[in-house]
Amino acid sequence: MIESSPLSNVRVVAERVVAGALPLSPAPDIADLRFLADIEAGPAPRIWVDASAQTLEALLIARARLDRVDDAIRLVDAHFADGRLRAPGRMEPETRSTLLSAVAEVYAAAGWSRRAGEYAASAIAYAPDAATLYRARAVRCLAAAVNGEYRLAEESLQVCDDLAETSGWGIVHPDYDLLLARILIASAALDAETLSRTAEHLREGSPADPFWQYSARAAEAMCALIRRDYAEGIVLVAALAGGTDAHSGHAMVRGFAQGVYADLLLARGEPRRALAVLEGRVSPPGHALCFDMQRAAALIALGREREVLESTDPCIRMGTHHCVRTLTPLLLRRAVAHVRLGNDHAADAAFDEGFHLSENMGGSLTPYLTLPRTELLLLLERMTARHPDSAEAAERVAAMLAVVPTNDHRPRLPALSPREERLALSLRGPRSLPQIAEELEVSPNTVKSQLRSIYAKLQVSGREAAVAVLEAHGFYV
C-alpha cells in the first residue's frame, strides 16, 4: 500500500501517530505527521489487516492535522464508500474503530459534519475499550459542535470526561478534536473562562505543534471578544491572519478566526473595516464557514438591508445542505433586515426559525453577536406574543443580550446612496470639487447637489466636518 519509503520505517511512525491519537499517549509529534503526510498511498490491499489499516489511519491523521484536507478526502474516497471500506477486512475491533475515527476527523476538518458524524457513530459502535471509545466520542463531539448541535456535543464531552475519571488512567493527554469542540461549545455559551483554559490546554498539549498553538490564539481572540477587550482581540487575530505563522492553522480554525476578527471590528463600531477583512472570502461547500452570514452583520450595521437579503438568498436556497451552526445567525440577520424594511411577516418567520433552531440545538448566544439590541428585543417580544410556550426561553435570551457584544454604543451612519458614497470617498484629500467632478465623470453642479444631500444627512455644514463625521464612523478603510 505504501510507496516512496521503507515500509518498516512507515509502520513504526504510523504506530506512534495512531497511539498519539488516543488519550493514553502524548499528541503525535509534528515531525512524524510531516513525514507521513509526504508518503504516497498505493492501491488498497486485497484484504485489509491490522497493519495496513493502521498505516492508512496514520496517513489520514497526518493529512487532517497538517491541513492537507483535500489530500485526505481523496484518500478516503479511494478506500471508503457508504460508511465502510471498499475492500474486505480482517481487523480487530479496536483497529476498525480508530480507523473510522480517523475518517471522521478528516470529514470534521473539511466541515462535512454529517459525514463526520456517520463515521464517528460507527467508530463508537466498534470501540471495544475505554481508550478507543474516548477517541471516537471526541471526534463525535467535534462533528456535532461544527454543525452547531451543542447539546449532542456536550453529551459526548461528558462521556469523555466520565471515561477519563472512571477508567483508572494515570494521565489523560489532551485530545485535539475534543479541545476544538470545547472552543466551539464555549464560544456558543460566551464562556470566556472555559475558552481561556482550553487555550492553555492547547498550548501545553503539544508545544512544538504550530497548529495547536494557532488554535490556542484563536481561542484567546474569541475570549477577548466576549470580554469586550476589542483592542487586544484585534491585535491577536490580526497576527493570526497576517503573521508568519498564518499558514499554520487549519482552514476551519482560520475561518473561525476571520469571523472573530470581523465580529471584533463590528463590536468596536467599524463595519466597513469588517467588510474589508471579509472581502473575497468564499464559503466552503456546506457553509460550515459562512462568510455571507458574516458580511450580513456588517451590512446591517451600515443600513444596507436589501443587500443582506440578496447576498444570503443563495444560502437559504441550500436548504438542509447548509450547516446548521451558521444557518441560525444567518436567519436572525435576515429577520433584522426584514424588520427594518417593514416586512414584518417575513421577519417573524425568519426569526422564529432561527430562534427555535438555536434553542433545539442547545441555546447558542453567538447568533446574536453584534446585532442591534433594539430590533432583537422587538422580535423576541413579538415571538412571545405568537408563541407563549417560548416565553421562558425568550426571556432568558433577552436577559443575556446585555452580555452579548454589540455595536449599539455607536450611532449608525445615515444611509448614503451609492453615488453619494462614491463622492464621500473622494472628499478626504486635497482634490478640489471640479477635480472630483472630473474624476467621477459628472458635472460640478451634480457634485454640489450630492454634497448638499450628504451634508444634510450628516447634519454638518461643510466638507471638513463631513469628513470628520465619516472618519468617526469608520467610513474610510
Protein backbone atom coordinates (compact mmCIF):
# COMPACT_ATOMS: atom_id res chain seq x y z
CA MET A 1 0.00 0.00 0.00
CA ILE A 2 2.90 2.38 0.57
CA GLU A 3 5.48 3.76 -1.85
CA SER A 4 8.47 6.09 -1.60
CA SER A 5 9.70 4.98 1.82
CA PRO A 6 11.00 1.85 3.52
CA LEU A 7 7.92 0.01 4.73
CA SER A 8 9.36 -0.73 8.17
CA ASN A 9 10.01 2.97 8.86
CA VAL A 10 6.49 3.92 7.83
CA ARG A 11 4.94 1.32 10.09
CA VAL A 12 6.99 2.42 13.09
CA VAL A 13 5.98 6.05 12.60
CA ALA A 14 2.37 5.07 11.88
CA GLU A 15 2.20 3.15 15.16
CA ARG A 16 3.39 6.22 17.06
CA VAL A 17 0.88 8.51 15.35
CA VAL A 18 -2.04 6.15 15.89
CA ALA A 19 -1.09 5.74 19.54
CA GLY A 20 -0.79 9.53 19.88
CA ALA A 21 -4.39 9.97 18.77
CA LEU A 22 -5.53 8.06 21.88
CA PRO A 23 -5.81 9.68 25.31
CA LEU A 24 -3.08 7.49 26.86
CA SER A 25 -0.17 8.96 24.86
CA PRO A 26 1.10 12.47 24.07
CA ALA A 27 -0.17 14.03 20.86
CA PRO A 28 1.54 12.88 17.64
CA ASP A 29 4.88 14.55 17.04
CA ILE A 30 4.76 17.18 14.30
CA ALA A 31 7.82 15.65 12.62
CA ASP A 32 6.05 12.27 12.42
CA LEU A 33 2.98 13.92 10.91
CA ARG A 34 5.05 15.71 8.29
CA PHE A 35 6.87 12.51 7.42
CA LEU A 36 3.61 10.63 6.86
CA ALA A 37 1.90 13.49 5.03
CA ASP A 38 4.51 13.16 2.28
CA ILE A 39 4.02 9.42 1.91
CA GLU A 40 2.07 8.36 -1.17
CA ALA A 41 -0.57 5.73 -0.54
CA GLY A 42 -0.65 2.99 -3.13
CA PRO A 43 -3.54 0.71 -4.08
CA ALA A 44 -5.57 -0.96 -1.38
CA PRO A 45 -4.62 -4.48 -0.34
CA ARG A 46 -6.93 -7.29 -1.36
CA ILE A 47 -7.80 -7.77 2.31
CA TRP A 48 -7.25 -5.16 5.00
CA VAL A 49 -5.45 -6.40 8.11
CA ASP A 50 -4.46 -4.55 11.26
CA ALA A 51 -1.06 -3.40 9.95
CA SER A 52 -2.30 -1.98 6.64
CA ALA A 53 -5.37 -0.41 8.25
CA GLN A 54 -3.21 1.21 10.92
CA THR A 55 -0.94 2.71 8.25
CA LEU A 56 -3.95 4.12 6.39
CA GLU A 57 -5.24 5.56 9.65
CA ALA A 58 -1.93 7.29 10.33
CA LEU A 59 -1.85 8.78 6.81
CA LEU A 60 -5.34 10.19 7.33
CA ILE A 61 -4.47 11.66 10.73
CA ALA A 62 -1.33 13.28 9.33
CA ARG A 63 -3.16 14.91 6.44
CA ALA A 64 -6.05 16.11 8.59
CA ARG A 65 -3.79 17.62 11.26
CA LEU A 66 -1.49 19.34 8.78
CA ASP A 67 -4.46 20.91 6.97
CA ARG A 68 -3.97 18.83 3.85
CA VAL A 69 -7.66 18.10 3.87
CA ASP A 70 -8.11 17.75 0.10
CA ASP A 71 -5.45 15.04 0.06
CA ALA A 72 -7.14 13.35 2.99
CA ILE A 73 -10.55 13.41 1.29
CA ARG A 74 -9.07 11.85 -1.84
CA LEU A 75 -7.55 9.10 0.30
CA VAL A 76 -10.89 8.48 1.99
CA ASP A 77 -12.71 8.38 -1.36
CA ALA A 78 -10.20 5.86 -2.68
CA HIS A 79 -10.78 3.39 0.13
CA PHE A 80 -14.26 4.04 1.58
CA ALA A 81 -17.82 4.13 0.28
CA ASP A 82 -21.14 4.27 2.09
CA GLY A 83 -19.52 4.28 5.51
CA ARG A 84 -17.27 1.26 5.05
CA LEU A 85 -14.06 0.07 3.42
CA ARG A 86 -14.37 -0.81 -0.24
CA ALA A 87 -12.22 -3.93 0.19
CA PRO A 88 -12.90 -6.63 2.80
CA GLY A 89 -11.02 -6.57 6.07
CA ARG A 90 -9.84 -8.87 8.85
CA MET A 91 -9.17 -6.43 11.67
CA GLU A 92 -9.55 -6.30 15.41
CA PRO A 93 -12.47 -4.13 16.60
CA GLU A 94 -10.01 -1.63 18.10
CA THR A 95 -8.29 -1.12 14.74
CA ARG A 96 -11.58 -0.76 12.91
CA SER A 97 -12.85 1.75 15.46
CA THR A 98 -9.79 4.00 15.40
CA LEU A 99 -9.63 3.87 11.59
CA LEU A 100 -13.25 5.05 11.39
CA SER A 101 -12.44 7.77 13.92
CA ALA A 102 -9.65 8.98 11.64
CA VAL A 103 -12.07 9.17 8.70
CA ALA A 104 -14.50 11.11 10.88
CA GLU A 105 -11.69 13.50 11.84
CA VAL A 106 -10.95 14.13 8.15
CA TYR A 107 -14.57 15.00 7.43
CA ALA A 108 -14.79 17.22 10.51
CA ALA A 109 -11.66 19.08 9.36
CA ALA A 110 -13.36 19.59 5.98
CA GLY A 111 -16.51 20.94 7.67
CA TRP A 112 -18.61 17.99 6.48
CA SER A 113 -20.17 17.40 9.86
CA ARG A 114 -22.84 14.90 8.82
CA ARG A 115 -20.35 12.55 7.21
CA ALA A 116 -18.08 13.02 10.21
CA GLY A 117 -20.97 12.08 12.49
CA GLU A 118 -21.76 8.99 10.44
CA TYR A 119 -18.22 7.60 10.68
CA ALA A 120 -17.89 8.61 14.33
CA ALA A 121 -21.08 6.72 15.18
CA SER A 122 -19.63 3.59 13.54
CA ALA A 123 -16.38 4.09 15.45
CA ILE A 124 -18.35 4.25 18.70
CA ALA A 125 -20.19 1.04 17.83
CA TYR A 126 -16.92 -0.86 17.22
CA ALA A 127 -15.00 0.57 20.21
CA PRO A 128 -14.03 -2.39 22.46
CA ASP A 129 -12.40 -0.44 25.29
CA ALA A 130 -12.39 2.93 27.07
CA ALA A 131 -9.48 4.43 25.12
CA THR A 132 -10.92 3.79 21.66
CA LEU A 133 -14.38 4.86 22.87
CA TYR A 134 -12.85 8.10 24.15
CA ARG A 135 -11.24 8.71 20.75
CA ALA A 136 -14.50 8.01 18.89
CA ARG A 137 -16.57 10.14 21.25
CA ALA A 138 -14.10 13.01 20.95
CA VAL A 139 -14.41 13.21 17.18
CA ARG A 140 -18.20 12.73 17.50
CA CYS A 141 -18.17 15.74 19.83
CA LEU A 142 -16.30 17.82 17.25
CA ALA A 143 -18.64 16.79 14.42
CA ALA A 144 -21.67 17.85 16.46
CA ALA A 145 -20.07 21.13 17.54
CA VAL A 146 -19.09 22.03 13.95
CA ASN A 147 -22.74 21.62 12.99
CA GLY A 148 -23.99 23.66 15.93
CA GLU A 149 -25.54 20.67 17.73
CA TYR A 150 -24.22 21.80 21.07
CA ARG A 151 -26.45 19.61 23.19
CA LEU A 152 -25.22 16.49 21.41
CA ALA A 153 -21.65 17.76 21.59
CA GLU A 154 -21.94 18.27 25.34
CA GLU A 155 -23.23 14.72 25.76
CA SER A 156 -20.14 13.29 24.05
CA LEU A 157 -17.95 15.67 26.01
CA GLN A 158 -19.46 14.39 29.24
CA VAL A 159 -18.88 10.77 28.16
CA CYS A 160 -15.21 11.57 27.57
CA ASP A 161 -14.90 13.28 30.95
CA ASP A 162 -16.56 10.31 32.67
CA LEU A 163 -14.27 7.83 30.89
CA ALA A 164 -11.22 9.81 31.94
CA GLU A 165 -12.43 9.86 35.54
CA THR A 166 -13.51 6.23 35.91
CA SER A 167 -11.12 4.21 33.74
CA GLY A 168 -8.13 4.43 36.05
CA TRP A 169 -5.76 6.03 33.56
CA GLY A 170 -2.77 7.60 35.24
CA ILE A 171 -2.51 10.52 32.79
CA VAL A 172 -5.09 11.67 30.26
CA HIS A 173 -3.39 13.55 27.45
CA PRO A 174 -5.34 16.35 25.72
CA ASP A 175 -7.27 15.29 22.63
CA TYR A 176 -7.03 17.85 19.82
CA ASP A 177 -10.51 17.18 18.41
CA LEU A 178 -12.02 17.46 21.85
CA LEU A 179 -10.25 20.76 22.50
CA LEU A 180 -11.55 22.21 19.23
CA ALA A 181 -15.05 21.09 20.21
CA ARG A 182 -14.64 22.77 23.59
CA ILE A 183 -13.76 26.03 21.81
CA LEU A 184 -16.97 25.91 19.78
CA ILE A 185 -19.13 24.92 22.76
CA ALA A 186 -17.63 27.61 25.00
CA SER A 187 -17.97 30.21 22.23
CA ALA A 188 -21.66 29.37 21.86
CA ALA A 189 -22.17 29.96 25.58
CA LEU A 190 -19.93 33.08 25.60
CA ASP A 191 -17.91 31.27 28.28
CA ALA A 192 -14.63 33.18 28.44
CA GLU A 193 -13.23 31.18 31.36
CA THR A 194 -13.54 27.84 29.55
CA LEU A 195 -12.06 29.36 26.40
CA SER A 196 -9.09 30.62 28.37
CA ARG A 197 -8.50 27.21 29.97
CA THR A 198 -8.86 25.46 26.62
CA ALA A 199 -6.28 27.79 25.08
CA GLU A 200 -3.89 26.87 27.87
CA HIS A 201 -4.50 23.14 27.32
CA LEU A 202 -3.74 23.61 23.64
CA ARG A 203 -0.52 25.48 24.42
CA GLU A 204 0.65 22.77 26.82
CA GLY A 205 -0.74 19.77 24.94
CA SER A 206 1.68 19.98 22.02
CA PRO A 207 4.09 22.90 22.45
CA ALA A 208 6.04 22.17 19.25
CA ASP A 209 2.98 21.83 17.01
CA PRO A 210 2.17 25.18 15.34
CA PHE A 211 -1.40 24.06 14.58
CA TRP A 212 -2.14 23.57 18.28
CA GLN A 213 -0.60 26.96 19.04
CA TYR A 214 -2.60 28.69 16.29
CA SER A 215 -5.83 27.22 17.67
CA ALA A 216 -4.87 28.43 21.15
CA ARG A 217 -4.50 32.01 19.89
CA ALA A 218 -7.82 31.78 18.03
CA ALA A 219 -9.49 30.76 21.31
CA GLU A 220 -7.85 33.70 23.08
CA ALA A 221 -9.15 36.11 20.41
CA MET A 222 -12.69 34.81 20.94
CA CYS A 223 -12.16 35.21 24.68
CA ALA A 224 -11.18 38.86 24.14
CA LEU A 225 -14.34 39.46 22.10
CA ILE A 226 -16.53 38.04 24.87
CA ARG A 227 -14.76 40.16 27.47
CA ARG A 228 -15.12 43.20 25.18
CA ASP A 229 -11.39 43.74 25.11
CA TYR A 230 -11.62 44.63 21.45
CA ALA A 231 -8.18 46.18 21.08
CA GLU A 232 -6.40 43.09 22.43
CA GLY A 233 -8.58 40.77 20.38
CA ILE A 234 -7.92 42.66 17.15
CA VAL A 235 -4.16 42.53 17.77
CA LEU A 236 -4.35 38.78 18.40
CA VAL A 237 -6.41 37.95 15.35
CA ALA A 238 -4.55 40.34 13.04
CA ALA A 239 -1.36 38.47 13.91
CA LEU A 240 -3.12 35.18 13.16
CA ALA A 241 -4.27 36.42 9.77
CA GLY A 242 -1.14 38.26 8.70
CA GLY A 243 1.70 36.81 10.75
CA THR A 244 4.41 34.45 9.57
CA ASP A 245 2.50 31.54 11.13
CA ALA A 246 -0.75 32.36 9.30
CA HIS A 247 -0.38 29.16 7.27
CA SER A 248 -0.06 27.07 10.44
CA GLY A 249 -3.75 26.91 11.15
CA HIS A 250 -6.39 24.57 9.87
CA ALA A 251 -8.77 26.04 7.30
CA MET A 252 -11.72 25.73 9.69
CA VAL A 253 -9.79 27.39 12.51
CA ARG A 254 -8.53 30.15 10.18
CA GLY A 255 -12.10 30.79 9.08
CA PHE A 256 -13.22 30.86 12.72
CA ALA A 257 -10.51 33.41 13.49
CA GLN A 258 -11.52 35.51 10.46
CA GLY A 259 -15.10 35.57 11.75
CA VAL A 260 -13.91 36.63 15.20
CA TYR A 261 -11.87 39.41 13.53
CA ALA A 262 -14.98 40.72 11.76
CA ASP A 263 -17.04 40.50 14.97
CA LEU A 264 -14.38 42.40 16.93
CA LEU A 265 -14.42 45.19 14.36
CA LEU A 266 -18.21 45.28 14.29
CA ALA A 267 -18.44 45.37 18.07
CA ARG A 268 -15.98 48.27 18.05
CA GLY A 269 -18.18 50.08 15.54
CA GLU A 270 -16.14 49.58 12.36
CA PRO A 271 -18.47 47.79 9.93
CA ARG A 272 -16.68 48.99 6.80
CA ARG A 273 -13.41 47.61 8.02
CA ALA A 274 -15.20 44.36 8.90
CA LEU A 275 -16.43 44.15 5.32
CA ALA A 276 -12.91 44.82 4.11
CA VAL A 277 -11.39 41.90 6.05
CA LEU A 278 -14.11 39.60 4.70
CA GLU A 279 -13.73 40.76 1.10
CA GLY A 280 -13.09 37.92 -1.30
CA ARG A 281 -13.70 35.19 1.26
CA VAL A 282 -15.67 32.33 -0.29
CA SER A 283 -17.65 29.91 1.88
CA PRO A 284 -16.62 26.26 1.52
CA PRO A 285 -19.20 23.65 0.43
CA GLY A 286 -21.79 23.14 3.14
CA HIS A 287 -21.03 26.57 4.66
CA ALA A 288 -19.56 25.31 7.94
CA LEU A 289 -17.84 28.66 7.43
CA CYS A 290 -20.40 31.09 6.02
CA PHE A 291 -18.84 34.41 5.06
CA ASP A 292 -22.13 35.63 3.57
CA MET A 293 -23.55 35.34 7.08
CA GLN A 294 -20.57 37.26 8.49
CA ARG A 295 -20.90 40.02 5.88
CA ALA A 296 -24.62 40.32 6.62
CA ALA A 297 -23.94 41.66 10.12
CA ALA A 298 -21.70 44.40 8.71
CA LEU A 299 -24.28 45.28 6.06
CA ILE A 300 -26.92 45.63 8.78
CA ALA A 301 -24.64 47.99 10.70
CA LEU A 302 -24.31 50.05 7.52
CA GLY A 303 -28.06 50.15 6.90
CA ARG A 304 -27.81 48.12 3.69
CA GLU A 305 -30.66 45.75 4.48
CA ARG A 306 -31.58 44.81 0.92
CA GLU A 307 -28.02 43.67 0.32
CA VAL A 308 -28.35 41.43 3.39
CA LEU A 309 -31.27 39.61 1.79
CA GLU A 310 -29.79 39.48 -1.70
CA SER A 311 -26.43 38.17 -0.54
CA THR A 312 -27.92 35.47 1.71
CA ASP A 313 -30.67 34.25 -0.64
CA PRO A 314 -28.34 31.54 -2.05
CA CYS A 315 -27.74 30.27 1.49
CA ILE A 316 -31.48 29.94 2.06
CA ARG A 317 -31.85 28.07 -1.22
CA MET A 318 -29.33 25.50 0.04
CA GLY A 319 -31.98 24.24 2.46
CA THR A 320 -30.81 21.31 4.59
CA HIS A 321 -27.42 21.30 2.84
CA HIS A 322 -26.45 24.44 4.80
CA CYS A 323 -24.55 23.94 8.06
CA VAL A 324 -26.94 24.47 10.98
CA ARG A 325 -24.37 26.32 13.09
CA THR A 326 -24.07 29.13 10.55
CA LEU A 327 -27.66 28.97 9.31
CA THR A 328 -29.04 30.12 12.68
CA PRO A 329 -27.24 33.51 12.80
CA LEU A 330 -27.96 33.96 9.09
CA LEU A 331 -31.71 33.66 9.77
CA LEU A 332 -31.52 36.20 12.58
CA ARG A 333 -29.66 38.65 10.36
CA ARG A 334 -32.34 38.28 7.70
CA ALA A 335 -35.01 38.84 10.36
CA VAL A 336 -33.42 42.14 11.39
CA ALA A 337 -33.14 43.21 7.74
CA HIS A 338 -36.81 42.40 7.12
CA VAL A 339 -37.87 44.35 10.23
CA ARG A 340 -36.07 47.45 9.02
CA LEU A 341 -37.63 47.10 5.58
CA GLY A 342 -41.11 46.78 7.09
CA ASN A 343 -41.54 43.13 6.05
CA ASP A 344 -42.97 42.05 9.39
CA HIS A 345 -44.33 38.67 8.28
CA ALA A 346 -41.01 37.66 6.70
CA ALA A 347 -39.11 39.00 9.73
CA ASP A 348 -41.17 36.96 12.18
CA ALA A 349 -40.90 33.80 10.07
CA ALA A 350 -37.09 34.07 9.82
CA PHE A 351 -36.72 34.90 13.50
CA ASP A 352 -38.97 32.04 14.62
CA GLU A 353 -36.97 29.56 12.58
CA GLY A 354 -33.60 30.86 13.74
CA PHE A 355 -34.60 31.17 17.40
CA HIS A 356 -36.15 27.72 17.72
CA LEU A 357 -33.35 26.10 15.73
CA SER A 358 -30.84 27.60 18.13
CA GLU A 359 -32.81 26.54 21.21
CA ASN A 360 -33.29 22.99 19.96
CA MET A 361 -29.57 22.64 19.30
CA GLY A 362 -28.51 23.88 22.70
CA GLY A 363 -29.23 27.59 23.05
CA SER A 364 -26.20 29.28 21.46
CA LEU A 365 -25.72 33.01 22.02
CA THR A 366 -23.29 33.58 19.13
CA PRO A 367 -26.12 34.11 16.59
CA TYR A 368 -26.92 37.35 18.41
CA LEU A 369 -23.36 38.71 18.30
CA THR A 370 -23.09 42.32 17.04
CA LEU A 371 -26.77 42.55 16.08
CA PRO A 372 -28.76 45.64 17.16
CA ARG A 373 -30.41 45.02 20.51
CA THR A 374 -33.47 47.19 19.77
CA GLU A 375 -34.60 45.03 16.85
CA LEU A 376 -33.75 41.79 18.66
CA LEU A 377 -35.88 42.73 21.67
CA LEU A 378 -38.74 43.69 19.36
CA LEU A 379 -38.53 40.36 17.55
CA LEU A 380 -38.37 38.45 20.84
CA GLU A 381 -41.41 40.32 22.15
CA ARG A 382 -43.43 39.60 19.02
CA MET A 383 -42.42 35.94 19.05
CA THR A 384 -43.52 35.58 22.67
CA ALA A 385 -46.92 37.01 21.74
CA ARG A 386 -47.27 34.45 18.96
CA HIS A 387 -45.78 31.52 20.92
CA PRO A 388 -46.45 31.89 24.66
CA ASP A 389 -44.81 28.50 25.26
CA SER A 390 -41.50 30.09 24.18
CA ALA A 391 -41.76 32.90 26.75
CA GLU A 392 -39.30 31.40 29.23
CA ALA A 393 -36.61 30.82 26.59
CA ALA A 394 -37.22 34.26 25.08
CA GLU A 395 -36.88 35.91 28.49
CA ARG A 396 -33.61 34.09 29.09
CA VAL A 397 -32.21 35.24 25.75
CA ALA A 398 -33.44 38.81 26.30
CA ALA A 399 -31.67 38.89 29.67
CA MET A 400 -28.46 37.52 28.14
CA LEU A 401 -28.37 40.15 25.38
CA ALA A 402 -26.81 42.51 27.90
CA VAL A 403 -23.62 40.41 27.85
CA VAL A 404 -23.57 39.85 24.07
CA PRO A 405 -21.05 42.17 22.38
CA THR A 406 -22.76 44.58 20.01
CA ASN A 407 -22.06 47.92 18.34
CA ASP A 408 -25.11 49.69 19.75
CA HIS A 409 -22.81 52.14 21.56
CA ARG A 410 -22.14 54.00 18.30
CA PRO A 411 -24.94 55.67 16.30
CA ARG A 412 -25.36 54.33 12.80
CA LEU A 413 -24.05 56.36 9.91
CA PRO A 414 -27.02 57.72 7.92
CA ALA A 415 -27.56 55.71 4.76
CA LEU A 416 -25.90 57.24 1.71
CA SER A 417 -26.84 56.37 -1.85
CA PRO A 418 -24.21 54.56 -3.95
CA ARG A 419 -23.42 57.80 -5.80
CA GLU A 420 -23.18 59.72 -2.53
CA GLU A 421 -20.81 57.06 -1.20
CA ARG A 422 -18.55 57.47 -4.25
CA LEU A 423 -18.45 61.20 -3.69
CA ALA A 424 -17.90 60.85 0.08
CA LEU A 425 -14.88 58.62 -0.57
CA SER A 426 -13.36 61.45 -2.61
CA LEU A 427 -13.88 64.18 -0.02
CA ARG A 428 -10.86 63.30 2.09
CA GLY A 429 -7.78 64.74 0.44
CA PRO A 430 -6.62 67.87 -1.41
CA ARG A 431 -8.69 67.48 -4.56
CA SER A 432 -10.97 70.40 -5.46
CA LEU A 433 -14.63 69.90 -6.29
CA PRO A 434 -14.03 70.43 -10.03
CA GLN A 435 -11.27 67.79 -9.90
CA ILE A 436 -13.59 65.40 -8.06
CA ALA A 437 -16.33 66.04 -10.64
CA GLU A 438 -13.90 65.23 -13.45
CA GLU A 439 -12.73 62.08 -11.68
CA LEU A 440 -16.31 60.87 -11.12
CA GLU A 441 -17.29 61.88 -14.65
CA VAL A 442 -20.17 64.11 -13.52
CA SER A 443 -20.81 67.82 -13.71
CA PRO A 444 -19.74 70.24 -10.93
CA ASN A 445 -23.42 71.02 -10.35
CA THR A 446 -24.12 67.32 -9.75
CA VAL A 447 -21.31 67.20 -7.21
CA LYS A 448 -22.71 70.27 -5.44
CA SER A 449 -26.20 68.75 -5.36
CA GLN A 450 -24.93 65.46 -3.93
CA LEU A 451 -22.82 67.34 -1.39
CA ARG A 452 -25.86 69.21 -0.11
CA SER A 453 -27.63 65.87 0.36
CA ILE A 454 -24.61 64.39 2.18
CA TYR A 455 -24.29 67.41 4.47
CA ALA A 456 -27.99 67.24 5.33
CA LYS A 457 -27.80 63.54 6.18
CA LEU A 458 -24.69 64.02 8.31
CA GLN A 459 -26.08 67.20 9.87
CA VAL A 460 -22.97 69.22 9.04
CA SER A 461 -22.38 72.42 7.07
CA GLY A 462 -19.10 71.83 5.31
CA ARG A 463 -16.63 69.40 3.77
CA GLU A 464 -14.20 69.25 6.69
CA ALA A 465 -16.97 68.49 9.18
CA ALA A 466 -18.42 65.84 6.86
CA VAL A 467 -15.04 64.11 6.59
CA ALA A 468 -14.69 64.19 10.39
CA VAL A 469 -18.09 62.51 10.87
CA LEU A 470 -17.33 59.90 8.21
CA GLU A 471 -13.95 59.14 9.79
CA ALA A 472 -15.54 58.78 13.22
CA HIS A 473 -17.85 56.13 11.79
CA GLY A 474 -15.04 54.18 10.14
CA PHE A 475 -16.23 55.09 6.65
CA TYR A 476 -12.71 55.25 5.24
CA VAL A 477 -10.86 51.93 5.38
